Amino acid sequence: MHLPTAAGNQVLLDALSQPAGHPRTTAIKDKAVRDKAAGLFMADCFLHVERTAEILRAAGIEWVCNLPTVGQHDRAFQHVLSQVNMGVDRELAVCDAFRARGFRLLIAVSGAEEAALWVSLNPEAIAHVPALAAFHTGRPALSQRRAAEADLRAALAAKGWNGLFLPYGDPAESTAMGDQAAPCLCPPRAWPT
């Protein structure tokens, strides 16, 4: 997954738009991107879906993901974001706009209460991304993450969704727990300069 860093979505889009051989382009384009997702802050009021879709297609990226996601924040901050049209409603609408343009959706969801919203888009995959509060004392414990994932899986099943579920964590934990798929999130890496 290619995530936006520093200046958000624009850094990723600029890197994907660079000519061959540029250090930032090399870090992305020289890798196989066919089955990778571009992590975009979908609630960004400056994100232009049509232009972004053109850049992603030119780079060979077929999947988009709402990462970072508004749902990772506490309710008070989500409310502030919604007051400036950067809330979950915009995030949902932009994801739907990418889906309408033929992109495959990997949806990042933090809690079971959000499941119904995202299932309405019928994403091919959903990834559990713990809320920011879960990281206050470091990485959330495996037992804490598994309990949240069980609640999320149950909520998704109750809504009739049966796509690919990706837990949060590292591959060793995933293998030990017998997960359907390995986690989709990797530790952050320094962006090439």
N, C-alpha and C. Protein backbone atom coordinates (compact mmCIF):
# COMPACT_ATOMS: atom_id res chain seq x y z
N MET A 1 0.85 -1.16 0.00
CA MET A 1 0.00 0.00 0.00
C MET A 1 0.89 1.22 0.00
N HIS A 2 0.59 2.15 -0.84
CA HIS A 2 1.32 3.41 -0.89
C HIS A 2 0.49 4.45 -0.17
N LEU A 3 1.04 4.98 0.91
CA LEU A 3 0.32 5.95 1.72
C LEU A 3 0.84 7.35 1.49
N PRO A 4 -0.06 8.33 1.57
CA PRO A 4 0.41 9.71 1.47
C PRO A 4 1.18 10.08 2.72
N THR A 5 2.18 10.90 2.59
CA THR A 5 2.95 11.37 3.73
C THR A 5 3.13 12.87 3.61
N ALA A 6 3.56 13.50 4.66
CA ALA A 6 3.88 14.93 4.70
C ALA A 6 2.72 15.77 4.20
N ALA A 7 2.70 16.16 2.92
CA ALA A 7 1.67 17.04 2.39
C ALA A 7 0.43 16.26 1.96
N GLY A 8 0.29 15.07 2.44
CA GLY A 8 -0.93 14.31 2.18
C GLY A 8 -0.99 13.74 0.79
N ASN A 9 -2.18 13.76 0.23
CA ASN A 9 -2.43 13.14 -1.07
C ASN A 9 -1.52 13.68 -2.16
N GLN A 10 -1.21 14.96 -2.12
CA GLN A 10 -0.46 15.57 -3.21
C GLN A 10 0.95 15.00 -3.35
N VAL A 11 1.59 14.65 -2.24
CA VAL A 11 2.93 14.06 -2.31
C VAL A 11 2.89 12.75 -3.09
N LEU A 12 1.92 11.92 -2.80
CA LEU A 12 1.79 10.66 -3.51
C LEU A 12 1.50 10.90 -4.99
N LEU A 13 0.58 11.78 -5.30
CA LEU A 13 0.22 12.05 -6.69
C LEU A 13 1.39 12.66 -7.46
N ASP A 14 2.14 13.55 -6.83
CA ASP A 14 3.32 14.13 -7.48
C ASP A 14 4.35 13.05 -7.78
N ALA A 15 4.57 12.15 -6.82
CA ALA A 15 5.55 11.08 -7.04
C ALA A 15 5.12 10.17 -8.18
N LEU A 16 3.85 9.88 -8.27
CA LEU A 16 3.36 9.02 -9.35
C LEU A 16 3.42 9.73 -10.70
N SER A 17 3.49 11.05 -10.70
CA SER A 17 3.50 11.83 -11.93
C SER A 17 4.91 12.15 -12.43
N GLN A 18 5.93 11.86 -11.65
CA GLN A 18 7.31 12.18 -12.02
C GLN A 18 7.77 11.34 -13.21
N PRO A 19 8.72 11.84 -13.99
CA PRO A 19 9.26 11.05 -15.10
C PRO A 19 10.05 9.85 -14.59
N ALA A 20 10.21 8.86 -15.43
CA ALA A 20 10.97 7.66 -15.07
C ALA A 20 12.37 8.05 -14.61
N GLY A 21 12.86 7.36 -13.58
CA GLY A 21 14.19 7.60 -13.06
C GLY A 21 14.24 8.56 -11.89
N HIS A 22 13.21 9.35 -11.68
CA HIS A 22 13.17 10.26 -10.53
C HIS A 22 13.14 9.41 -9.26
N PRO A 23 13.88 9.79 -8.20
CA PRO A 23 13.92 8.95 -6.99
C PRO A 23 12.55 8.59 -6.42
N ARG A 24 11.63 9.54 -6.39
CA ARG A 24 10.32 9.23 -5.83
C ARG A 24 9.54 8.32 -6.76
N THR A 25 9.69 8.49 -8.05
CA THR A 25 9.01 7.62 -9.01
C THR A 25 9.55 6.21 -8.90
N THR A 26 10.87 6.10 -8.82
CA THR A 26 11.51 4.79 -8.73
C THR A 26 11.01 4.02 -7.52
N ALA A 27 10.80 4.70 -6.40
CA ALA A 27 10.34 4.03 -5.18
C ALA A 27 8.97 3.40 -5.36
N ILE A 28 8.18 3.93 -6.27
CA ILE A 28 6.83 3.41 -6.48
C ILE A 28 6.72 2.66 -7.79
N LYS A 29 7.06 3.29 -8.89
CA LYS A 29 6.79 2.71 -10.21
C LYS A 29 7.64 1.50 -10.55
N ASP A 30 8.85 1.41 -9.98
CA ASP A 30 9.69 0.26 -10.29
C ASP A 30 9.26 -0.99 -9.52
N LYS A 31 8.28 -0.87 -8.69
CA LYS A 31 7.70 -2.01 -7.98
C LYS A 31 6.47 -2.46 -8.75
N ALA A 32 6.10 -3.69 -8.57
CA ALA A 32 4.86 -4.16 -9.19
C ALA A 32 3.70 -3.54 -8.43
N VAL A 33 2.88 -2.74 -9.11
CA VAL A 33 1.79 -2.04 -8.42
C VAL A 33 0.42 -2.60 -8.78
N ARG A 34 0.37 -3.61 -9.62
CA ARG A 34 -0.90 -4.09 -10.12
C ARG A 34 -1.92 -4.38 -9.03
N ASP A 35 -1.54 -5.04 -7.98
CA ASP A 35 -2.49 -5.37 -6.93
C ASP A 35 -2.22 -4.61 -5.64
N LYS A 36 -1.75 -3.37 -5.78
CA LYS A 36 -1.53 -2.52 -4.62
C LYS A 36 -2.57 -1.43 -4.60
N ALA A 37 -2.80 -0.90 -3.43
CA ALA A 37 -3.78 0.17 -3.27
C ALA A 37 -3.07 1.48 -2.95
N ALA A 38 -3.62 2.56 -3.45
CA ALA A 38 -3.13 3.88 -3.09
C ALA A 38 -3.95 4.35 -1.89
N GLY A 39 -3.26 4.61 -0.79
CA GLY A 39 -3.93 5.14 0.39
C GLY A 39 -4.12 6.63 0.23
N LEU A 40 -5.35 7.07 0.22
CA LEU A 40 -5.68 8.48 0.04
C LEU A 40 -6.58 8.95 1.17
N PHE A 41 -6.37 10.19 1.61
CA PHE A 41 -7.29 10.78 2.57
C PHE A 41 -8.49 11.25 1.75
N MET A 42 -9.51 10.41 1.69
CA MET A 42 -10.65 10.64 0.81
C MET A 42 -11.50 11.84 1.22
N ALA A 43 -11.38 12.28 2.47
CA ALA A 43 -12.17 13.43 2.91
C ALA A 43 -11.47 14.76 2.61
N ASP A 44 -10.30 14.70 2.01
CA ASP A 44 -9.54 15.90 1.65
C ASP A 44 -10.37 16.75 0.69
N CYS A 45 -10.67 17.98 1.08
CA CYS A 45 -11.50 18.84 0.24
C CYS A 45 -10.78 19.28 -1.03
N PHE A 46 -9.47 19.06 -1.11
CA PHE A 46 -8.71 19.42 -2.31
C PHE A 46 -8.49 18.23 -3.25
N LEU A 47 -8.99 17.07 -2.88
CA LEU A 47 -8.80 15.88 -3.72
C LEU A 47 -9.75 15.96 -4.92
N HIS A 48 -9.18 15.99 -6.09
CA HIS A 48 -9.95 16.03 -7.34
C HIS A 48 -9.99 14.60 -7.88
N VAL A 49 -11.15 13.98 -7.82
CA VAL A 49 -11.27 12.56 -8.13
C VAL A 49 -10.86 12.25 -9.57
N GLU A 50 -11.33 13.00 -10.52
CA GLU A 50 -11.03 12.69 -11.92
C GLU A 50 -9.53 12.77 -12.21
N ARG A 51 -8.89 13.84 -11.75
CA ARG A 51 -7.45 14.00 -11.97
C ARG A 51 -6.67 12.90 -11.24
N THR A 52 -7.06 12.62 -10.01
CA THR A 52 -6.40 11.58 -9.23
C THR A 52 -6.56 10.21 -9.90
N ALA A 53 -7.76 9.93 -10.39
CA ALA A 53 -8.00 8.66 -11.07
C ALA A 53 -7.11 8.51 -12.30
N GLU A 54 -6.92 9.57 -13.05
CA GLU A 54 -6.04 9.53 -14.23
C GLU A 54 -4.60 9.21 -13.83
N ILE A 55 -4.12 9.85 -12.77
CA ILE A 55 -2.74 9.62 -12.31
C ILE A 55 -2.58 8.19 -11.81
N LEU A 56 -3.53 7.70 -11.03
CA LEU A 56 -3.44 6.33 -10.52
C LEU A 56 -3.48 5.31 -11.65
N ARG A 57 -4.36 5.51 -12.61
CA ARG A 57 -4.44 4.58 -13.75
C ARG A 57 -3.13 4.58 -14.55
N ALA A 58 -2.57 5.76 -14.77
CA ALA A 58 -1.31 5.85 -15.52
C ALA A 58 -0.18 5.12 -14.79
N ALA A 59 -0.26 5.06 -13.46
CA ALA A 59 0.74 4.36 -12.66
C ALA A 59 0.44 2.86 -12.53
N GLY A 60 -0.70 2.43 -13.06
CA GLY A 60 -1.07 1.02 -12.99
C GLY A 60 -1.75 0.61 -11.69
N ILE A 61 -2.19 1.57 -10.91
CA ILE A 61 -2.85 1.27 -9.63
C ILE A 61 -4.34 1.10 -9.87
N GLU A 62 -4.87 -0.04 -9.41
CA GLU A 62 -6.27 -0.38 -9.63
C GLU A 62 -7.12 -0.32 -8.36
N TRP A 63 -6.47 -0.21 -7.22
CA TRP A 63 -7.16 -0.20 -5.93
C TRP A 63 -6.97 1.15 -5.25
N VAL A 64 -7.98 1.62 -4.53
CA VAL A 64 -7.83 2.78 -3.65
C VAL A 64 -8.31 2.39 -2.26
N CYS A 65 -7.76 3.10 -1.28
CA CYS A 65 -8.10 2.84 0.11
C CYS A 65 -8.25 4.17 0.83
N ASN A 66 -9.24 4.26 1.69
CA ASN A 66 -9.48 5.45 2.50
C ASN A 66 -8.57 5.46 3.73
N LEU A 67 -7.30 5.63 3.47
CA LEU A 67 -6.33 5.60 4.57
C LEU A 67 -5.37 6.75 4.42
N PRO A 68 -5.32 7.66 5.36
CA PRO A 68 -5.97 7.61 6.67
C PRO A 68 -7.48 7.79 6.55
N THR A 69 -8.18 7.32 7.57
CA THR A 69 -9.63 7.39 7.57
C THR A 69 -10.15 8.27 8.70
N VAL A 70 -11.22 8.96 8.43
CA VAL A 70 -11.85 9.82 9.44
C VAL A 70 -12.25 8.99 10.66
N GLY A 71 -12.65 7.74 10.44
CA GLY A 71 -13.12 6.87 11.52
C GLY A 71 -12.10 6.56 12.59
N GLN A 72 -10.82 6.83 12.33
CA GLN A 72 -9.79 6.57 13.33
C GLN A 72 -9.84 7.60 14.46
N HIS A 73 -10.48 8.73 14.21
CA HIS A 73 -10.50 9.82 15.19
C HIS A 73 -11.68 9.67 16.15
N ASP A 74 -11.57 10.36 17.30
CA ASP A 74 -12.67 10.32 18.26
C ASP A 74 -13.86 11.11 17.72
N ARG A 75 -15.01 10.90 18.32
CA ARG A 75 -16.27 11.50 17.84
C ARG A 75 -16.20 13.03 17.77
N ALA A 76 -15.55 13.65 18.75
CA ALA A 76 -15.48 15.12 18.77
C ALA A 76 -14.72 15.64 17.54
N PHE A 77 -13.60 15.02 17.21
CA PHE A 77 -12.83 15.46 16.06
C PHE A 77 -13.54 15.11 14.76
N GLN A 78 -14.22 13.97 14.73
CA GLN A 78 -15.02 13.62 13.54
C GLN A 78 -16.08 14.69 13.29
N HIS A 79 -16.67 15.19 14.37
CA HIS A 79 -17.69 16.23 14.24
C HIS A 79 -17.08 17.51 13.66
N VAL A 80 -15.90 17.88 14.14
CA VAL A 80 -15.22 19.06 13.60
C VAL A 80 -14.95 18.88 12.11
N LEU A 81 -14.46 17.73 11.73
CA LEU A 81 -14.20 17.46 10.31
C LEU A 81 -15.48 17.55 9.48
N SER A 82 -16.57 17.04 10.02
CA SER A 82 -17.82 17.07 9.26
C SER A 82 -18.33 18.50 9.09
N GLN A 83 -18.02 19.37 10.04
CA GLN A 83 -18.46 20.77 9.96
C GLN A 83 -17.78 21.52 8.81
N VAL A 84 -16.63 21.03 8.35
CA VAL A 84 -15.92 21.68 7.25
C VAL A 84 -15.90 20.77 6.01
N ASN A 85 -16.91 19.91 5.90
CA ASN A 85 -17.08 19.00 4.76
C ASN A 85 -15.86 18.10 4.56
N MET A 86 -15.27 17.64 5.65
CA MET A 86 -14.16 16.70 5.58
C MET A 86 -14.44 15.49 6.45
N GLY A 87 -15.71 15.18 6.64
CA GLY A 87 -16.11 14.08 7.50
C GLY A 87 -16.34 12.79 6.74
N VAL A 88 -16.94 11.85 7.43
CA VAL A 88 -17.16 10.53 6.86
C VAL A 88 -18.09 10.56 5.65
N ASP A 89 -19.03 11.51 5.60
CA ASP A 89 -19.91 11.60 4.44
C ASP A 89 -19.12 11.90 3.17
N ARG A 90 -18.18 12.83 3.25
CA ARG A 90 -17.33 13.12 2.08
C ARG A 90 -16.45 11.93 1.76
N GLU A 91 -15.89 11.32 2.79
CA GLU A 91 -15.02 10.15 2.60
C GLU A 91 -15.78 9.05 1.85
N LEU A 92 -16.99 8.80 2.27
CA LEU A 92 -17.84 7.79 1.64
C LEU A 92 -18.15 8.16 0.19
N ALA A 93 -18.52 9.42 -0.05
CA ALA A 93 -18.87 9.87 -1.40
C ALA A 93 -17.68 9.78 -2.35
N VAL A 94 -16.48 10.13 -1.87
CA VAL A 94 -15.30 10.08 -2.73
C VAL A 94 -14.92 8.63 -3.02
N CYS A 95 -15.01 7.76 -2.04
CA CYS A 95 -14.76 6.33 -2.29
C CYS A 95 -15.73 5.81 -3.34
N ASP A 96 -16.99 6.20 -3.23
CA ASP A 96 -18.00 5.78 -4.20
C ASP A 96 -17.67 6.33 -5.59
N ALA A 97 -17.15 7.55 -5.66
CA ALA A 97 -16.78 8.13 -6.96
C ALA A 97 -15.63 7.34 -7.60
N PHE A 98 -14.68 6.89 -6.80
CA PHE A 98 -13.60 6.05 -7.35
C PHE A 98 -14.15 4.71 -7.81
N ARG A 99 -15.06 4.15 -7.03
CA ARG A 99 -15.68 2.87 -7.41
C ARG A 99 -16.42 3.02 -8.74
N ALA A 100 -17.13 4.13 -8.90
CA ALA A 100 -17.87 4.39 -10.14
C ALA A 100 -16.93 4.52 -11.34
N ARG A 101 -15.67 4.84 -11.09
CA ARG A 101 -14.68 4.96 -12.17
C ARG A 101 -13.91 3.66 -12.37
N GLY A 102 -14.38 2.60 -11.74
CA GLY A 102 -13.79 1.28 -11.97
C GLY A 102 -12.68 0.86 -11.03
N PHE A 103 -12.40 1.65 -10.01
CA PHE A 103 -11.36 1.26 -9.05
C PHE A 103 -11.93 0.24 -8.07
N ARG A 104 -11.07 -0.64 -7.64
CA ARG A 104 -11.43 -1.62 -6.62
C ARG A 104 -11.23 -0.95 -5.26
N LEU A 105 -12.10 -1.28 -4.32
CA LEU A 105 -12.06 -0.62 -3.01
C LEU A 105 -11.53 -1.53 -1.91
N LEU A 106 -10.53 -1.03 -1.21
CA LEU A 106 -10.07 -1.58 0.05
C LEU A 106 -10.44 -0.52 1.08
N ILE A 107 -11.36 -0.82 1.95
CA ILE A 107 -11.88 0.16 2.89
C ILE A 107 -11.27 -0.07 4.28
N ALA A 108 -10.71 1.01 4.84
CA ALA A 108 -10.18 0.97 6.20
C ALA A 108 -11.31 1.34 7.16
N VAL A 109 -11.54 0.47 8.14
CA VAL A 109 -12.61 0.67 9.12
C VAL A 109 -12.04 0.48 10.51
N SER A 110 -12.39 1.39 11.42
CA SER A 110 -11.87 1.30 12.79
C SER A 110 -12.81 0.59 13.75
N GLY A 111 -14.11 0.72 13.54
CA GLY A 111 -15.03 0.14 14.51
C GLY A 111 -16.26 -0.47 13.89
N ALA A 112 -16.89 -1.35 14.66
CA ALA A 112 -18.08 -2.07 14.19
C ALA A 112 -19.23 -1.13 13.86
N GLU A 113 -19.31 0.01 14.56
CA GLU A 113 -20.42 0.94 14.32
C GLU A 113 -20.34 1.57 12.93
N GLU A 114 -19.19 1.54 12.30
CA GLU A 114 -19.02 2.10 10.95
C GLU A 114 -19.36 1.10 9.84
N ALA A 115 -19.50 -0.15 10.20
CA ALA A 115 -19.62 -1.22 9.20
C ALA A 115 -20.75 -0.98 8.20
N ALA A 116 -21.92 -0.58 8.67
CA ALA A 116 -23.06 -0.41 7.77
C ALA A 116 -22.79 0.64 6.70
N LEU A 117 -22.11 1.73 7.07
CA LEU A 117 -21.78 2.77 6.09
C LEU A 117 -20.96 2.21 4.95
N TRP A 118 -19.91 1.49 5.30
CA TRP A 118 -18.97 1.04 4.29
C TRP A 118 -19.47 -0.15 3.50
N VAL A 119 -20.28 -0.99 4.09
CA VAL A 119 -20.84 -2.13 3.37
C VAL A 119 -21.72 -1.65 2.22
N SER A 120 -22.31 -0.47 2.36
CA SER A 120 -23.15 0.05 1.29
C SER A 120 -22.39 0.25 -0.02
N LEU A 121 -21.07 0.36 0.04
CA LEU A 121 -20.25 0.49 -1.17
C LEU A 121 -19.85 -0.86 -1.75
N ASN A 122 -20.14 -1.92 -1.04
CA ASN A 122 -19.77 -3.28 -1.45
C ASN A 122 -18.28 -3.38 -1.81
N PRO A 123 -17.40 -3.02 -0.88
CA PRO A 123 -15.96 -3.11 -1.17
C PRO A 123 -15.51 -4.55 -1.29
N GLU A 124 -14.46 -4.76 -2.07
CA GLU A 124 -13.92 -6.11 -2.21
C GLU A 124 -13.17 -6.54 -0.96
N ALA A 125 -12.60 -5.57 -0.25
CA ALA A 125 -11.83 -5.88 0.96
C ALA A 125 -12.04 -4.79 2.00
N ILE A 126 -11.99 -5.21 3.26
CA ILE A 126 -12.05 -4.28 4.38
C ILE A 126 -10.88 -4.60 5.30
N ALA A 127 -10.18 -3.53 5.70
CA ALA A 127 -9.05 -3.67 6.61
C ALA A 127 -9.39 -3.03 7.94
N HIS A 128 -9.10 -3.74 9.01
CA HIS A 128 -9.28 -3.16 10.34
C HIS A 128 -8.09 -2.26 10.65
N VAL A 129 -8.37 -1.01 10.96
CA VAL A 129 -7.35 -0.04 11.36
C VAL A 129 -7.79 0.50 12.71
N PRO A 130 -7.10 0.14 13.78
CA PRO A 130 -7.54 0.60 15.10
C PRO A 130 -7.64 2.12 15.19
N ALA A 131 -8.55 2.58 16.02
CA ALA A 131 -8.70 4.02 16.27
C ALA A 131 -7.42 4.57 16.88
N LEU A 132 -7.17 5.84 16.66
CA LEU A 132 -5.95 6.46 17.17
C LEU A 132 -5.82 6.32 18.68
N ALA A 133 -6.93 6.35 19.40
CA ALA A 133 -6.90 6.22 20.86
C ALA A 133 -6.28 4.90 21.31
N ALA A 134 -6.37 3.87 20.49
CA ALA A 134 -5.81 2.57 20.84
C ALA A 134 -4.28 2.59 20.87
N PHE A 135 -3.68 3.63 20.30
CA PHE A 135 -2.21 3.71 20.23
C PHE A 135 -1.61 4.60 21.32
N HIS A 136 -2.43 5.07 22.27
CA HIS A 136 -1.93 5.99 23.30
C HIS A 136 -0.77 5.42 24.09
N THR A 137 -0.76 4.14 24.33
CA THR A 137 0.31 3.53 25.10
C THR A 137 1.22 2.67 24.23
N GLY A 138 1.24 2.95 22.96
CA GLY A 138 2.04 2.15 22.03
C GLY A 138 1.12 1.36 21.12
N ARG A 139 1.66 0.33 20.53
CA ARG A 139 0.88 -0.51 19.63
C ARG A 139 -0.19 -1.25 20.42
N PRO A 140 -1.44 -1.29 19.92
CA PRO A 140 -2.49 -2.00 20.66
C PRO A 140 -2.15 -3.48 20.83
N ALA A 141 -2.48 -4.02 21.97
CA ALA A 141 -2.22 -5.43 22.26
C ALA A 141 -3.01 -6.32 21.31
N LEU A 142 -2.45 -7.48 21.03
CA LEU A 142 -3.10 -8.44 20.13
C LEU A 142 -4.51 -8.78 20.63
N SER A 143 -4.67 -8.99 21.92
CA SER A 143 -5.99 -9.34 22.46
C SER A 143 -6.99 -8.20 22.24
N GLN A 144 -6.55 -6.97 22.41
CA GLN A 144 -7.41 -5.81 22.18
C GLN A 144 -7.81 -5.72 20.70
N ARG A 145 -6.84 -5.91 19.80
CA ARG A 145 -7.13 -5.85 18.37
C ARG A 145 -8.07 -6.98 17.95
N ARG A 146 -7.83 -8.18 18.46
CA ARG A 146 -8.67 -9.33 18.08
C ARG A 146 -10.11 -9.15 18.56
N ALA A 147 -10.29 -8.57 19.74
CA ALA A 147 -11.66 -8.33 20.24
C ALA A 147 -12.37 -7.33 19.33
N ALA A 148 -11.68 -6.25 18.96
CA ALA A 148 -12.27 -5.24 18.07
C ALA A 148 -12.57 -5.85 16.70
N GLU A 149 -11.66 -6.69 16.21
CA GLU A 149 -11.86 -7.33 14.90
C GLU A 149 -13.04 -8.29 14.93
N ALA A 150 -13.22 -9.00 16.04
CA ALA A 150 -14.36 -9.92 16.15
C ALA A 150 -15.67 -9.14 16.08
N ASP A 151 -15.72 -8.01 16.77
CA ASP A 151 -16.92 -7.16 16.72
C ASP A 151 -17.16 -6.64 15.30
N LEU A 152 -16.09 -6.22 14.65
CA LEU A 152 -16.20 -5.69 13.29
C LEU A 152 -16.64 -6.79 12.32
N ARG A 153 -16.04 -7.96 12.42
CA ARG A 153 -16.44 -9.08 11.54
C ARG A 153 -17.92 -9.43 11.73
N ALA A 154 -18.37 -9.45 12.98
CA ALA A 154 -19.77 -9.77 13.26
C ALA A 154 -20.70 -8.72 12.67
N ALA A 155 -20.33 -7.44 12.79
CA ALA A 155 -21.15 -6.37 12.23
C ALA A 155 -21.20 -6.46 10.70
N LEU A 156 -20.07 -6.78 10.09
CA LEU A 156 -20.02 -6.92 8.63
C LEU A 156 -20.87 -8.11 8.17
N ALA A 157 -20.77 -9.22 8.88
CA ALA A 157 -21.56 -10.41 8.53
C ALA A 157 -23.06 -10.13 8.70
N ALA A 158 -23.41 -9.37 9.74
CA ALA A 158 -24.82 -9.03 9.96
C ALA A 158 -25.39 -8.19 8.82
N LYS A 159 -24.52 -7.47 8.13
CA LYS A 159 -24.94 -6.65 6.98
C LYS A 159 -24.82 -7.42 5.66
N GLY A 160 -24.42 -8.70 5.75
CA GLY A 160 -24.35 -9.54 4.56
C GLY A 160 -23.07 -9.40 3.75
N TRP A 161 -22.07 -8.74 4.29
CA TRP A 161 -20.81 -8.58 3.56
C TRP A 161 -19.94 -9.79 3.78
N ASN A 162 -19.35 -10.32 2.72
CA ASN A 162 -18.49 -11.50 2.86
C ASN A 162 -17.22 -11.40 2.02
N GLY A 163 -16.68 -10.20 1.89
CA GLY A 163 -15.43 -10.00 1.14
C GLY A 163 -14.22 -10.39 1.97
N LEU A 164 -13.06 -9.96 1.51
CA LEU A 164 -11.79 -10.25 2.17
C LEU A 164 -11.60 -9.32 3.36
N PHE A 165 -11.38 -9.89 4.53
CA PHE A 165 -11.14 -9.11 5.74
C PHE A 165 -9.66 -9.16 6.06
N LEU A 166 -9.04 -8.00 6.23
CA LEU A 166 -7.62 -7.91 6.54
C LEU A 166 -7.43 -7.38 7.96
N PRO A 167 -6.86 -8.18 8.85
CA PRO A 167 -6.64 -7.72 10.22
C PRO A 167 -5.47 -6.74 10.29
N TYR A 168 -5.37 -6.03 11.39
CA TYR A 168 -4.23 -5.15 11.63
C TYR A 168 -3.18 -5.94 12.39
N GLY A 169 -1.93 -5.81 12.02
CA GLY A 169 -0.86 -6.49 12.74
C GLY A 169 0.26 -6.87 11.82
N ASP A 170 1.09 -7.78 12.27
CA ASP A 170 2.19 -8.20 11.41
C ASP A 170 1.96 -9.64 10.94
N PRO A 171 2.61 -10.03 9.86
CA PRO A 171 2.37 -11.36 9.27
C PRO A 171 2.58 -12.52 10.23
N ALA A 172 3.53 -12.41 11.15
CA ALA A 172 3.77 -13.51 12.10
C ALA A 172 2.54 -13.75 12.97
N GLU A 173 1.91 -12.68 13.44
CA GLU A 173 0.70 -12.83 14.24
C GLU A 173 -0.41 -13.45 13.40
N SER A 174 -0.51 -13.00 12.18
CA SER A 174 -1.56 -13.46 11.30
C SER A 174 -1.45 -14.96 11.04
N THR A 175 -0.26 -15.41 10.78
CA THR A 175 -0.03 -16.84 10.53
C THR A 175 -0.36 -17.65 11.77
N ALA A 176 0.09 -17.16 12.92
CA ALA A 176 -0.15 -17.87 14.18
C ALA A 176 -1.64 -17.96 14.50
N MET A 177 -2.39 -16.96 14.10
CA MET A 177 -3.83 -16.92 14.40
C MET A 177 -4.66 -17.59 13.31
N GLY A 178 -4.05 -18.02 12.22
CA GLY A 178 -4.78 -18.69 11.15
C GLY A 178 -5.70 -17.76 10.37
N ASP A 179 -5.28 -16.52 10.18
CA ASP A 179 -6.10 -15.55 9.46
C ASP A 179 -6.29 -15.91 8.00
N GLN A 180 -7.38 -15.43 7.44
CA GLN A 180 -7.70 -15.60 6.03
C GLN A 180 -6.65 -14.94 5.15
N ALA A 181 -6.15 -13.80 5.58
CA ALA A 181 -5.15 -13.05 4.83
C ALA A 181 -4.22 -12.34 5.79
N ALA A 182 -3.01 -12.07 5.32
CA ALA A 182 -2.04 -11.35 6.13
C ALA A 182 -2.47 -9.89 6.25
N PRO A 183 -2.01 -9.23 7.29
CA PRO A 183 -2.34 -7.81 7.44
C PRO A 183 -1.90 -7.00 6.23
N CYS A 184 -2.64 -5.95 5.94
CA CYS A 184 -2.31 -5.15 4.76
C CYS A 184 -1.47 -3.94 5.09
N LEU A 185 -1.25 -3.64 6.34
CA LEU A 185 -0.48 -2.47 6.72
C LEU A 185 0.91 -2.86 7.16
N CYS A 186 1.88 -2.13 6.68
CA CYS A 186 3.28 -2.37 7.03
C CYS A 186 3.79 -1.18 7.84
N PRO A 187 4.87 -1.36 8.58
CA PRO A 187 5.44 -0.22 9.30
C PRO A 187 5.83 0.87 8.31
N PRO A 188 5.74 2.13 8.74
CA PRO A 188 6.12 3.24 7.83
C PRO A 188 7.59 3.17 7.45
N ARG A 189 7.90 3.62 6.24
CA ARG A 189 9.28 3.72 5.77
C ARG A 189 9.56 5.18 5.42
N ALA A 190 10.84 5.52 5.49
CA ALA A 190 11.22 6.89 5.09
C ALA A 190 10.97 7.07 3.60
N TRP A 191 10.45 8.22 3.24
CA TRP A 191 10.18 8.54 1.84
C TRP A 191 11.49 8.95 1.18
N PRO A 192 11.80 8.43 -0.03
CA PRO A 192 13.07 8.81 -0.67
C PRO A 192 13.13 10.30 -0.99
N THR A 193 14.32 10.84 -0.90
CA THR A 193 14.49 12.27 -1.21
C THR A 193 15.23 12.47 -2.50
